[in-house]
Amino acid sequence: MIDIGDKREEYREIKPYWVKRFIPCTHECSNGHWSEKYFKCVLSCKAVHHHMNYYSKGLRIGPVAYVRFHRGYSKTTMLWSIADISIGKGKREWGAPDDPVIIIKLDKRYETRHG
């Protein structure tokens, strides 16, 4: 669905692995030790959106500006720019669970590589 442009969001669980990559926050929520307190901190931290989305003169500068997806288990990859990263409820029809997730909103496709 991402390959043909129908799906414009991808979801990741709120777990230390993904939080460290998308939220370079110095608050307690980035300590990497999983607990209910950690999960609540990520959901309630007022700095989370700011830390996930740095912009300068309209250009996204960090912490992550692009994402590369593999098409299934093939060597074909797609490089997309990221429009926004947020935490919330995703669309079930696109595979989001019922719990809050990290939502990666895709902006523009830059390339497709065939392995």
PDB file of N, CA and C in Angstrom:
ATOM      1  N   MET A   1       0.821  -1.198   0.000  1.00  0.00           N
ATOM      2  CA  MET A   1       0.000   0.000   0.000  1.00  0.00           C
ATOM      3  C   MET A   1       0.866   1.264   0.000  1.00  0.00           C
ATOM      4  N   ILE A   2       2.013   1.217   0.694  1.00  0.00           N
ATOM      5  CA  ILE A   2       2.927   2.358   0.674  1.00  0.00           C
ATOM      6  C   ILE A   2       3.510   2.513  -0.722  1.00  0.00           C
ATOM      7  N   ASP A   3       3.865   1.395  -1.353  1.00  0.00           N
ATOM      8  CA  ASP A   3       4.484   1.409  -2.671  1.00  0.00           C
ATOM      9  C   ASP A   3       3.606   2.104  -3.703  1.00  0.00           C
ATOM     10  N   ILE A   4       2.314   1.851  -3.681  1.00  0.00           N
ATOM     11  CA  ILE A   4       1.425   2.470  -4.675  1.00  0.00           C
ATOM     12  C   ILE A   4       0.861   3.814  -4.205  1.00  0.00           C
ATOM     13  N   GLY A   5       1.218   4.245  -3.002  1.00  0.00           N
ATOM     14  CA  GLY A   5       0.823   5.567  -2.523  1.00  0.00           C
ATOM     15  C   GLY A   5      -0.493   5.629  -1.792  1.00  0.00           C
ATOM     16  N   ASP A   6      -1.133   4.470  -1.539  1.00  0.00           N
ATOM     17  CA  ASP A   6      -2.422   4.468  -0.835  1.00  0.00           C
ATOM     18  C   ASP A   6      -2.262   4.679   0.667  1.00  0.00           C
ATOM     19  N   LYS A   7      -1.189   4.185   1.227  1.00  0.00           N
ATOM     20  CA  LYS A   7      -0.950   4.294   2.672  1.00  0.00           C
ATOM     21  C   LYS A   7       0.123   5.353   2.895  1.00  0.00           C
ATOM     22  N   ARG A   8      -0.205   6.409   3.650  1.00  0.00           N
ATOM     23  CA  ARG A   8       0.732   7.518   3.856  1.00  0.00           C
ATOM     24  C   ARG A   8       1.210   7.620   5.296  1.00  0.00           C
ATOM     25  N   GLU A   9       0.969   6.586   6.087  1.00  0.00           N
ATOM     26  CA  GLU A   9       1.441   6.542   7.472  1.00  0.00           C
ATOM     27  C   GLU A   9       2.014   5.165   7.761  1.00  0.00           C
ATOM     28  N   GLU A  10       2.999   5.142   8.640  1.00  0.00           N
ATOM     29  CA  GLU A  10       3.542   3.879   9.131  1.00  0.00           C
ATOM     30  C   GLU A  10       3.558   3.982  10.645  1.00  0.00           C
ATOM     31  N   TYR A  11       3.413   2.869  11.331  1.00  0.00           N
ATOM     32  CA  TYR A  11       3.273   2.869  12.784  1.00  0.00           C
ATOM     33  C   TYR A  11       4.375   2.064  13.452  1.00  0.00           C
ATOM     34  N   ARG A  12       4.800   2.553  14.602  1.00  0.00           N
ATOM     35  CA  ARG A  12       5.778   1.848  15.426  1.00  0.00           C
ATOM     36  C   ARG A  12       5.298   1.875  16.872  1.00  0.00           C
ATOM     37  N   GLU A  13       5.528   0.754  17.581  1.00  0.00           N
ATOM     38  CA  GLU A  13       5.135   0.678  18.984  1.00  0.00           C
ATOM     39  C   GLU A  13       5.924   1.683  19.821  1.00  0.00           C
ATOM     40  N   ILE A  14       5.324   2.120  20.904  1.00  0.00           N
ATOM     41  CA  ILE A  14       6.029   2.994  21.841  1.00  0.00           C
ATOM     42  C   ILE A  14       6.839   2.092  22.760  1.00  0.00           C
ATOM     43  N   LYS A  15       8.042   1.816  22.323  1.00  0.00           N
ATOM     44  CA  LYS A  15       8.999   0.971  23.038  1.00  0.00           C
ATOM     45  C   LYS A  15      10.342   1.689  23.031  1.00  0.00           C
ATOM     46  N   PRO A  16      11.226   1.362  23.969  1.00  0.00           N
ATOM     47  CA  PRO A  16      12.529   2.051  24.044  1.00  0.00           C
ATOM     48  C   PRO A  16      13.282   2.081  22.716  1.00  0.00           C
ATOM     49  N   TYR A  17      13.238   1.003  21.932  1.00  0.00           N
ATOM     50  CA  TYR A  17      13.952   0.940  20.659  1.00  0.00           C
ATOM     51  C   TYR A  17      13.556   2.093  19.744  1.00  0.00           C
ATOM     52  N   TRP A  18      12.245   2.320  19.594  1.00  0.00           N
ATOM     53  CA  TRP A  18      11.769   3.364  18.690  1.00  0.00           C
ATOM     54  C   TRP A  18      11.831   4.737  19.327  1.00  0.00           C
ATOM     55  N   VAL A  19      11.575   4.837  20.618  1.00  0.00           N
ATOM     56  CA  VAL A  19      11.630   6.138  21.297  1.00  0.00           C
ATOM     57  C   VAL A  19      13.035   6.727  21.183  1.00  0.00           C
ATOM     58  N   LYS A  20      14.065   5.910  21.367  1.00  0.00           N
ATOM     59  CA  LYS A  20      15.454   6.391  21.253  1.00  0.00           C
ATOM     60  C   LYS A  20      15.747   6.933  19.861  1.00  0.00           C
ATOM     61  N   ARG A  21      15.131   6.362  18.837  1.00  0.00           N
ATOM     62  CA  ARG A  21      15.389   6.782  17.468  1.00  0.00           C
ATOM     63  C   ARG A  21      14.602   8.014  17.052  1.00  0.00           C
ATOM     64  N   PHE A  22      13.390   8.150  17.553  1.00  0.00           N
ATOM     65  CA  PHE A  22      12.536   9.245  17.108  1.00  0.00           C
ATOM     66  C   PHE A  22      12.413  10.396  18.090  1.00  0.00           C
ATOM     67  N   ILE A  23      12.734  10.176  19.356  1.00  0.00           N
ATOM     68  CA  ILE A  23      12.544  11.215  20.369  1.00  0.00           C
ATOM     69  C   ILE A  23      13.855  11.434  21.119  1.00  0.00           C
ATOM     70  N   PRO A  24      14.735  12.300  20.604  1.00  0.00           N
ATOM     71  CA  PRO A  24      15.998  12.545  21.299  1.00  0.00           C
ATOM     72  C   PRO A  24      15.783  13.472  22.491  1.00  0.00           C
ATOM     73  N   CYS A  25      15.008  12.998  23.426  1.00  0.00           N
ATOM     74  CA  CYS A  25      14.591  13.790  24.584  1.00  0.00           C
ATOM     75  C   CYS A  25      15.490  13.454  25.777  1.00  0.00           C
ATOM     76  N   THR A  26      15.853  14.446  26.536  1.00  0.00           N
ATOM     77  CA  THR A  26      16.702  14.210  27.704  1.00  0.00           C
ATOM     78  C   THR A  26      15.882  13.929  28.959  1.00  0.00           C
ATOM     79  N   HIS A  27      14.580  13.916  28.821  1.00  0.00           N
ATOM     80  CA  HIS A  27      13.724  13.654  29.975  1.00  0.00           C
ATOM     81  C   HIS A  27      13.778  12.183  30.357  1.00  0.00           C
ATOM     82  N   GLU A  28      13.163  11.861  31.437  1.00  0.00           N
ATOM     83  CA  GLU A  28      13.148  10.498  31.957  1.00  0.00           C
ATOM     84  C   GLU A  28      12.573   9.492  30.959  1.00  0.00           C
ATOM     85  N   CYS A  29      11.717   9.956  30.057  1.00  0.00           N
ATOM     86  CA  CYS A  29      11.064   9.017  29.135  1.00  0.00           C
ATOM     87  C   CYS A  29      12.039   8.398  28.140  1.00  0.00           C
ATOM     88  N   SER A  30      13.244   8.899  28.041  1.00  0.00           N
ATOM     89  CA  SER A  30      14.211   8.327  27.105  1.00  0.00           C
ATOM     90  C   SER A  30      15.271   7.481  27.779  1.00  0.00           C
ATOM     91  N   ASN A  31      15.044   7.084  29.017  1.00  0.00           N
ATOM     92  CA  ASN A  31      16.089   6.327  29.716  1.00  0.00           C
ATOM     93  C   ASN A  31      16.213   4.889  29.233  1.00  0.00           C
ATOM     94  N   GLY A  32      15.253   4.423  28.443  1.00  0.00           N
ATOM     95  CA  GLY A  32      15.382   3.106  27.836  1.00  0.00           C
ATOM     96  C   GLY A  32      14.969   1.937  28.694  1.00  0.00           C
ATOM     97  N   HIS A  33      14.482   2.161  29.894  1.00  0.00           N
ATOM     98  CA  HIS A  33      14.039   1.061  30.750  1.00  0.00           C
ATOM     99  C   HIS A  33      12.522   0.977  30.675  1.00  0.00           C
ATOM    100  N   TRP A  34      12.020  -0.119  30.132  1.00  0.00           N
ATOM    101  CA  TRP A  34      10.589  -0.235  29.924  1.00  0.00           C
ATOM    102  C   TRP A  34       9.845  -0.386  31.238  1.00  0.00           C
ATOM    103  N   SER A  35       8.799   0.405  31.394  1.00  0.00           N
ATOM    104  CA  SER A  35       7.917   0.314  32.545  1.00  0.00           C
ATOM    105  C   SER A  35       6.647   1.079  32.202  1.00  0.00           C
ATOM    106  N   GLU A  36       5.652   0.928  33.025  1.00  0.00           N
ATOM    107  CA  GLU A  36       4.411   1.677  32.827  1.00  0.00           C
ATOM    108  C   GLU A  36       4.677   3.167  32.985  1.00  0.00           C
ATOM    109  N   LYS A  37       5.565   3.517  33.905  1.00  0.00           N
ATOM    110  CA  LYS A  37       5.937   4.927  34.116  1.00  0.00           C
ATOM    111  C   LYS A  37       6.583   5.493  32.849  1.00  0.00           C
ATOM    112  N   TYR A  38       7.446   4.725  32.229  1.00  0.00           N
ATOM    113  CA  TYR A  38       8.113   5.124  30.981  1.00  0.00           C
ATOM    114  C   TYR A  38       7.068   5.392  29.902  1.00  0.00           C
ATOM    115  N   PHE A  39       6.141   4.469  29.720  1.00  0.00           N
ATOM    116  CA  PHE A  39       5.095   4.597  28.710  1.00  0.00           C
ATOM    117  C   PHE A  39       4.268   5.859  28.948  1.00  0.00           C
ATOM    118  N   LYS A  40       3.866   6.094  30.193  1.00  0.00           N
ATOM    119  CA  LYS A  40       3.067   7.286  30.527  1.00  0.00           C
ATOM    120  C   LYS A  40       3.853   8.564  30.304  1.00  0.00           C
ATOM    121  N   CYS A  41       5.151   8.537  30.596  1.00  0.00           N
ATOM    122  CA  CYS A  41       5.994   9.714  30.394  1.00  0.00           C
ATOM    123  C   CYS A  41       6.031  10.092  28.914  1.00  0.00           C
ATOM    124  N   VAL A  42       6.218   9.093  28.041  1.00  0.00           N
ATOM    125  CA  VAL A  42       6.257   9.356  26.608  1.00  0.00           C
ATOM    126  C   VAL A  42       4.936   9.943  26.138  1.00  0.00           C
ATOM    127  N   LEU A  43       3.821   9.409  26.632  1.00  0.00           N
ATOM    128  CA  LEU A  43       2.505   9.896  26.208  1.00  0.00           C
ATOM    129  C   LEU A  43       2.198  11.296  26.722  1.00  0.00           C
ATOM    130  N   SER A  44       2.705  11.647  27.893  1.00  0.00           N
ATOM    131  CA  SER A  44       2.338  12.929  28.491  1.00  0.00           C
ATOM    132  C   SER A  44       3.404  14.017  28.363  1.00  0.00           C
ATOM    133  N   CYS A  45       4.605  13.679  27.917  1.00  0.00           N
ATOM    134  CA  CYS A  45       5.704  14.639  27.843  1.00  0.00           C
ATOM    135  C   CYS A  45       5.360  15.765  26.863  1.00  0.00           C
ATOM    136  N   LYS A  46       5.361  16.988  27.347  1.00  0.00           N
ATOM    137  CA  LYS A  46       5.025  18.132  26.496  1.00  0.00           C
ATOM    138  C   LYS A  46       6.105  18.420  25.465  1.00  0.00           C
ATOM    139  N   ALA A  47       7.302  17.923  25.694  1.00  0.00           N
ATOM    140  CA  ALA A  47       8.409  18.172  24.771  1.00  0.00           C
ATOM    141  C   ALA A  47       8.490  17.135  23.655  1.00  0.00           C
ATOM    142  N   VAL A  48       7.690  16.073  23.728  1.00  0.00           N
ATOM    143  CA  VAL A  48       7.802  14.976  22.765  1.00  0.00           C
ATOM    144  C   VAL A  48       7.636  15.460  21.334  1.00  0.00           C
ATOM    145  N   HIS A  49       6.545  16.158  21.019  1.00  0.00           N
ATOM    146  CA  HIS A  49       6.325  16.586  19.638  1.00  0.00           C
ATOM    147  C   HIS A  49       7.447  17.511  19.178  1.00  0.00           C
ATOM    148  N   HIS A  50       7.884  18.399  20.043  1.00  0.00           N
ATOM    149  CA  HIS A  50       8.972  19.311  19.694  1.00  0.00           C
ATOM    150  C   HIS A  50      10.253  18.531  19.370  1.00  0.00           C
ATOM    151  N   HIS A  51      10.568  17.547  20.166  1.00  0.00           N
ATOM    152  CA  HIS A  51      11.795  16.771  19.958  1.00  0.00           C
ATOM    153  C   HIS A  51      11.721  15.893  18.710  1.00  0.00           C
ATOM    154  N   MET A  52      10.525  15.461  18.325  1.00  0.00           N
ATOM    155  CA  MET A  52      10.394  14.601  17.161  1.00  0.00           C
ATOM    156  C   MET A  52      10.393  15.391  15.860  1.00  0.00           C
ATOM    157  N   ASN A  53      10.099  16.678  15.924  1.00  0.00           N
ATOM    158  CA  ASN A  53       9.910  17.460  14.705  1.00  0.00           C
ATOM    159  C   ASN A  53      10.657  18.785  14.779  1.00  0.00           C
ATOM    160  N   TYR A  54      11.895  18.780  14.322  1.00  0.00           N
ATOM    161  CA  TYR A  54      12.681  20.002  14.235  1.00  0.00           C
ATOM    162  C   TYR A  54      12.595  20.528  12.809  1.00  0.00           C
ATOM    163  N   TYR A  55      12.278  21.801  12.669  1.00  0.00           N
ATOM    164  CA  TYR A  55      12.196  22.418  11.350  1.00  0.00           C
ATOM    165  C   TYR A  55      12.981  23.725  11.366  1.00  0.00           C
ATOM    166  N   SER A  56      13.593  24.040  10.245  1.00  0.00           N
ATOM    167  CA  SER A  56      14.286  25.309  10.072  1.00  0.00           C
ATOM    168  C   SER A  56      13.971  25.815   8.679  1.00  0.00           C
ATOM    169  N   LYS A  57      13.347  26.981   8.596  1.00  0.00           N
ATOM    170  CA  LYS A  57      12.969  27.572   7.301  1.00  0.00           C
ATOM    171  C   LYS A  57      12.128  26.607   6.474  1.00  0.00           C
ATOM    172  N   GLY A  58      11.231  25.890   7.142  1.00  0.00           N
ATOM    173  CA  GLY A  58      10.325  24.987   6.453  1.00  0.00           C
ATOM    174  C   GLY A  58      10.900  23.626   6.110  1.00  0.00           C
ATOM    175  N   LEU A  59      12.190  23.387   6.397  1.00  0.00           N
ATOM    176  CA  LEU A  59      12.803  22.101   6.087  1.00  0.00           C
ATOM    177  C   LEU A  59      12.983  21.286   7.348  1.00  0.00           C
ATOM    178  N   ARG A  60      12.622  20.038   7.276  1.00  0.00           N
ATOM    179  CA  ARG A  60      12.790  19.137   8.413  1.00  0.00           C
ATOM    180  C   ARG A  60      14.277  18.856   8.592  1.00  0.00           C
ATOM    181  N   ILE A  61      14.791  19.081   9.801  1.00  0.00           N
ATOM    182  CA  ILE A  61      16.220  18.873  10.023  1.00  0.00           C
ATOM    183  C   ILE A  61      16.520  17.802  11.062  1.00  0.00           C
ATOM    184  N   GLY A  62      15.534  17.193  11.655  1.00  0.00           N
ATOM    185  CA  GLY A  62      15.881  16.113  12.567  1.00  0.00           C
ATOM    186  C   GLY A  62      14.761  15.764  13.515  1.00  0.00           C
ATOM    187  N   PRO A  63      14.931  14.701  14.268  1.00  0.00           N
ATOM    188  CA  PRO A  63      16.072  13.796  14.272  1.00  0.00           C
ATOM    189  C   PRO A  63      16.091  12.852  13.080  1.00  0.00           C
ATOM    190  N   VAL A  64      14.941  12.620  12.450  1.00  0.00           N
ATOM    191  CA  VAL A  64      14.888  11.727  11.293  1.00  0.00           C
ATOM    192  C   VAL A  64      14.135  12.465  10.194  1.00  0.00           C
ATOM    193  N   ALA A  65      14.754  12.598   9.025  1.00  0.00           N
ATOM    194  CA  ALA A  65      14.116  13.316   7.928  1.00  0.00           C
ATOM    195  C   ALA A  65      13.606  12.389   6.833  1.00  0.00           C
ATOM    196  N   TYR A  66      14.181  11.191   6.749  1.00  0.00           N
ATOM    197  CA  TYR A  66      13.819  10.237   5.698  1.00  0.00           C
ATOM    198  C   TYR A  66      13.643   8.850   6.297  1.00  0.00           C
ATOM    199  N   VAL A  67      12.878   8.022   5.591  1.00  0.00           N
ATOM    200  CA  VAL A  67      12.705   6.631   6.002  1.00  0.00           C
ATOM    201  C   VAL A  67      12.774   5.765   4.742  1.00  0.00           C
ATOM    202  N   ARG A  68      13.427   4.607   4.869  1.00  0.00           N
ATOM    203  CA  ARG A  68      13.524   3.677   3.747  1.00  0.00           C
ATOM    204  C   ARG A  68      12.776   2.399   4.129  1.00  0.00           C
ATOM    205  N   PHE A  69      11.845   2.013   3.279  1.00  0.00           N
ATOM    206  CA  PHE A  69      11.069   0.804   3.497  1.00  0.00           C
ATOM    207  C   PHE A  69      11.474  -0.264   2.489  1.00  0.00           C
ATOM    208  N   HIS A  70      11.426  -1.518   2.924  1.00  0.00           N
ATOM    209  CA  HIS A  70      11.593  -2.644   2.021  1.00  0.00           C
ATOM    210  C   HIS A  70      10.219  -3.086   1.569  1.00  0.00           C
ATOM    211  N   ARG A  71      10.106  -3.450   0.320  1.00  0.00           N
ATOM    212  CA  ARG A  71       8.840  -3.962  -0.205  1.00  0.00           C
ATOM    213  C   ARG A  71       8.752  -5.432   0.142  1.00  0.00           C
ATOM    214  N   GLY A  72       8.000  -5.730   1.198  1.00  0.00           N
ATOM    215  CA  GLY A  72       7.906  -7.098   1.694  1.00  0.00           C
ATOM    216  C   GLY A  72       9.280  -7.567   2.130  1.00  0.00           C
ATOM    217  N   TYR A  73       9.651  -8.757   1.730  1.00  0.00           N
ATOM    218  CA  TYR A  73      10.965  -9.304   2.059  1.00  0.00           C
ATOM    219  C   TYR A  73      11.904  -9.243   0.859  1.00  0.00           C
ATOM    220  N   SER A  74      11.581  -8.422  -0.123  1.00  0.00           N
ATOM    221  CA  SER A  74      12.419  -8.316  -1.318  1.00  0.00           C
ATOM    222  C   SER A  74      13.558  -7.312  -1.088  1.00  0.00           C
ATOM    223  N   LYS A  75      14.399  -7.161  -2.087  1.00  0.00           N
ATOM    224  CA  LYS A  75      15.490  -6.181  -2.018  1.00  0.00           C
ATOM    225  C   LYS A  75      15.054  -4.815  -2.537  1.00  0.00           C
ATOM    226  N   THR A  76      13.808  -4.705  -2.995  1.00  0.00           N
ATOM    227  CA  THR A  76      13.282  -3.424  -3.469  1.00  0.00           C
ATOM    228  C   THR A  76      13.016  -2.517  -2.276  1.00  0.00           C
ATOM    229  N   THR A  77      13.552  -1.287  -2.337  1.00  0.00           N
ATOM    230  CA  THR A  77      13.355  -0.325  -1.257  1.00  0.00           C
ATOM    231  C   THR A  77      12.765   0.964  -1.797  1.00  0.00           C
ATOM    232  N   MET A  78      12.126   1.706  -0.902  1.00  0.00           N
ATOM    233  CA  MET A  78      11.530   2.993  -1.238  1.00  0.00           C
ATOM    234  C   MET A  78      12.008   4.018  -0.215  1.00  0.00           C
ATOM    235  N   LEU A  79      12.487   5.149  -0.676  1.00  0.00           N
ATOM    236  CA  LEU A  79      12.929   6.223   0.206  1.00  0.00           C
ATOM    237  C   LEU A  79      11.872   7.325   0.202  1.00  0.00           C
ATOM    238  N   TRP A  80      11.377   7.664   1.398  1.00  0.00           N
ATOM    239  CA  TRP A  80      10.351   8.696   1.559  1.00  0.00           C
ATOM    240  C   TRP A  80      10.862   9.774   2.506  1.00  0.00           C
ATOM    241  N   SER A  81      10.466  11.012   2.257  1.00  0.00           N
ATOM    242  CA  SER A  81      10.705  12.062   3.248  1.00  0.00           C
ATOM    243  C   SER A  81       9.578  11.982   4.270  1.00  0.00           C
ATOM    244  N   ILE A  82       9.869  12.412   5.484  1.00  0.00           N
ATOM    245  CA  ILE A  82       8.892  12.361   6.568  1.00  0.00           C
ATOM    246  C   ILE A  82       8.251  13.732   6.727  1.00  0.00           C
ATOM    247  N   ALA A  83       6.932  13.773   6.703  1.00  0.00           N
ATOM    248  CA  ALA A  83       6.203  15.025   6.894  1.00  0.00           C
ATOM    249  C   ALA A  83       6.081  15.365   8.373  1.00  0.00           C
ATOM    250  N   ASP A  84       5.851  14.340   9.201  1.00  0.00           N
ATOM    251  CA  ASP A  84       5.612  14.573  10.616  1.00  0.00           C
ATOM    252  C   ASP A  84       5.739  13.255  11.361  1.00  0.00           C
ATOM    253  N   ILE A  85       6.144  13.345  12.618  1.00  0.00           N
ATOM    254  CA  ILE A  85       6.146  12.189  13.508  1.00  0.00           C
ATOM    255  C   ILE A  85       5.363  12.602  14.741  1.00  0.00           C
ATOM    256  N   SER A  86       4.406  11.778  15.129  1.00  0.00           N
ATOM    257  CA  SER A  86       3.584  12.119  16.284  1.00  0.00           C
ATOM    258  C   SER A  86       3.232  10.840  17.039  1.00  0.00           C
ATOM    259  N   ILE A  87       2.577  11.018  18.154  1.00  0.00           N
ATOM    260  CA  ILE A  87       2.080   9.892  18.934  1.00  0.00           C
ATOM    261  C   ILE A  87       0.568   9.994  18.981  1.00  0.00           C
ATOM    262  N   GLY A  88      -0.099   8.899  18.696  1.00  0.00           N
ATOM    263  CA  GLY A  88      -1.552   8.907  18.710  1.00  0.00           C
ATOM    264  C   GLY A  88      -2.095   7.570  18.252  1.00  0.00           C
ATOM    265  N   LYS A  89      -3.364   7.584  17.882  1.00  0.00           N
ATOM    266  CA  LYS A  89      -4.031   6.384  17.386  1.00  0.00           C
ATOM    267  C   LYS A  89      -3.958   6.404  15.864  1.00  0.00           C
ATOM    268  N   GLY A  90      -3.486   5.317  15.294  1.00  0.00           N
ATOM    269  CA  GLY A  90      -3.413   5.200  13.847  1.00  0.00           C
ATOM    270  C   GLY A  90      -4.697   4.626  13.276  1.00  0.00           C
ATOM    271  N   LYS A  91      -4.703   4.471  11.969  1.00  0.00           N
ATOM    272  CA  LYS A  91      -5.868   3.939  11.274  1.00  0.00           C
ATOM    273  C   LYS A  91      -5.815   2.415  11.275  1.00  0.00           C
ATOM    274  N   ARG A  92      -6.862   1.807  11.778  1.00  0.00           N
ATOM    275  CA  ARG A  92      -6.904   0.338  11.861  1.00  0.00           C
ATOM    276  C   ARG A  92      -6.807  -0.302  10.483  1.00  0.00           C
ATOM    277  N   GLU A  93      -7.426   0.332   9.474  1.00  0.00           N
ATOM    278  CA  GLU A  93      -7.390  -0.249   8.128  1.00  0.00           C
ATOM    279  C   GLU A  93      -5.983  -0.252   7.532  1.00  0.00           C
ATOM    280  N   TRP A  94      -5.073   0.505   8.140  1.00  0.00           N
ATOM    281  CA  TRP A  94      -3.678   0.535   7.700  1.00  0.00           C
ATOM    282  C   TRP A  94      -2.779  -0.263   8.647  1.00  0.00           C
ATOM    283  N   GLY A  95      -3.370  -1.030   9.563  1.00  0.00           N
ATOM    284  CA  GLY A  95      -2.604  -1.931  10.406  1.00  0.00           C
ATOM    285  C   GLY A  95      -2.231  -1.410  11.781  1.00  0.00           C
ATOM    286  N   ALA A  96      -2.792  -0.293  12.207  1.00  0.00           N
ATOM    287  CA  ALA A  96      -2.471   0.244  13.528  1.00  0.00           C
ATOM    288  C   ALA A  96      -3.186  -0.549  14.624  1.00  0.00           C
ATOM    289  N   PRO A  97      -2.493  -0.780  15.740  1.00  0.00           N
ATOM    290  CA  PRO A  97      -3.162  -1.443  16.867  1.00  0.00           C
ATOM    291  C   PRO A  97      -4.103  -0.472  17.573  1.00  0.00           C
ATOM    292  N   ASP A  98      -4.816  -0.952  18.577  1.00  0.00           N
ATOM    293  CA  ASP A  98      -5.743  -0.102  19.326  1.00  0.00           C
ATOM    294  C   ASP A  98      -5.029   0.871  20.262  1.00  0.00           C
ATOM    295  N   ASP A  99      -3.818   0.518  20.672  1.00  0.00           N
ATOM    296  CA  ASP A  99      -3.060   1.366  21.602  1.00  0.00           C
ATOM    297  C   ASP A  99      -2.405   2.530  20.864  1.00  0.00           C
ATOM    298  N   PRO A 100      -2.029   3.593  21.590  1.00  0.00           N
ATOM    299  CA  PRO A 100      -1.284   4.682  20.955  1.00  0.00           C
ATOM    300  C   PRO A 100       0.040   4.173  20.379  1.00  0.00           C
ATOM    301  N   VAL A 101       0.451   4.761  19.267  1.00  0.00           N
ATOM    302  CA  VAL A 101       1.672   4.365  18.570  1.00  0.00           C
ATOM    303  C   VAL A 101       2.423   5.616  18.102  1.00  0.00           C
ATOM    304  N   ILE A 102       3.653   5.415  17.669  1.00  0.00           N
ATOM    305  CA  ILE A 102       4.382   6.475  16.988  1.00  0.00           C
ATOM    306  C   ILE A 102       3.911   6.446  15.539  1.00  0.00           C
ATOM    307  N   ILE A 103       3.429   7.576  15.044  1.00  0.00           N
ATOM    308  CA  ILE A 103       2.905   7.675  13.688  1.00  0.00           C
ATOM    309  C   ILE A 103       3.921   8.421  12.830  1.00  0.00           C
ATOM    310  N   ILE A 104       4.384   7.763  11.786  1.00  0.00           N
ATOM    311  CA  ILE A 104       5.324   8.375  10.842  1.00  0.00           C
ATOM    312  C   ILE A 104       4.519   8.744   9.603  1.00  0.00           C
ATOM    313  N   LYS A 105       4.297  10.038   9.380  1.00  0.00           N
ATOM    314  CA  LYS A 105       3.525  10.494   8.221  1.00  0.00           C
ATOM    315  C   LYS A 105       4.487  10.749   7.067  1.00  0.00           C
ATOM    316  N   LEU A 106       4.212  10.085   5.959  1.00  0.00           N
ATOM    317  CA  LEU A 106       5.081  10.173   4.793  1.00  0.00           C
ATOM    318  C   LEU A 106       4.719  11.378   3.943  1.00  0.00           C
ATOM    319  N   ASP A 107       5.745  12.010   3.379  1.00  0.00           N
ATOM    320  CA  ASP A 107       5.534  13.220   2.590  1.00  0.00           C
ATOM    321  C   ASP A 107       5.697  12.936   1.099  1.00  0.00           C
ATOM    322  N   LYS A 108       6.930  12.749   0.647  1.00  0.00           N
ATOM    323  CA  LYS A 108       7.214  12.630  -0.772  1.00  0.00           C
ATOM    324  C   LYS A 108       8.173  11.466  -1.017  1.00  0.00           C
ATOM    325  N   ARG A 109       7.911  10.713  -2.046  1.00  0.00           N
ATOM    326  CA  ARG A 109       8.795   9.602  -2.404  1.00  0.00           C
ATOM    327  C   ARG A 109       9.951  10.150  -3.229  1.00  0.00           C
ATOM    328  N   TYR A 110      11.152   9.738  -2.858  1.00  0.00           N
ATOM    329  CA  TYR A 110      12.348  10.207  -3.554  1.00  0.00           C
ATOM    330  C   TYR A 110      12.917   9.192  -4.520  1.00  0.00           C
ATOM    331  N   GLU A 111      12.898   7.935  -4.166  1.00  0.00           N
ATOM    332  CA  GLU A 111      13.464   6.936  -5.068  1.00  0.00           C
ATOM    333  C   GLU A 111      12.938   5.561  -4.742  1.00  0.00           C
ATOM    334  N   THR A 112      13.071   4.681  -5.714  1.00  0.00           N
ATOM    335  CA  THR A 112      12.813   3.251  -5.525  1.00  0.00           C
ATOM    336  C   THR A 112      14.025   2.521  -6.093  1.00  0.00           C
ATOM    337  N   ARG A 113      14.599   1.645  -5.288  1.00  0.00           N
ATOM    338  CA  ARG A 113      15.748   0.848  -5.734  1.00  0.00           C
ATOM    339  C   ARG A 113      15.322  -0.604  -5.847  1.00  0.00           C
ATOM    340  N   HIS A 114      15.689  -1.198  -6.942  1.00  0.00           N
ATOM    341  CA  HIS A 114      15.406  -2.621  -7.138  1.00  0.00           C
ATOM    342  C   HIS A 114      16.712  -3.380  -6.978  1.00  0.00           C
ATOM    343  N   GLY A 115      16.723  -4.342  -6.026  1.00  0.00           N
ATOM    344  CA  GLY A 115      17.937  -5.062  -5.710  1.00  0.00           C
ATOM    345  C   GLY A 115      18.189  -6.131  -6.656  1.00  0.00           C
TER     346      GLY A 115
END
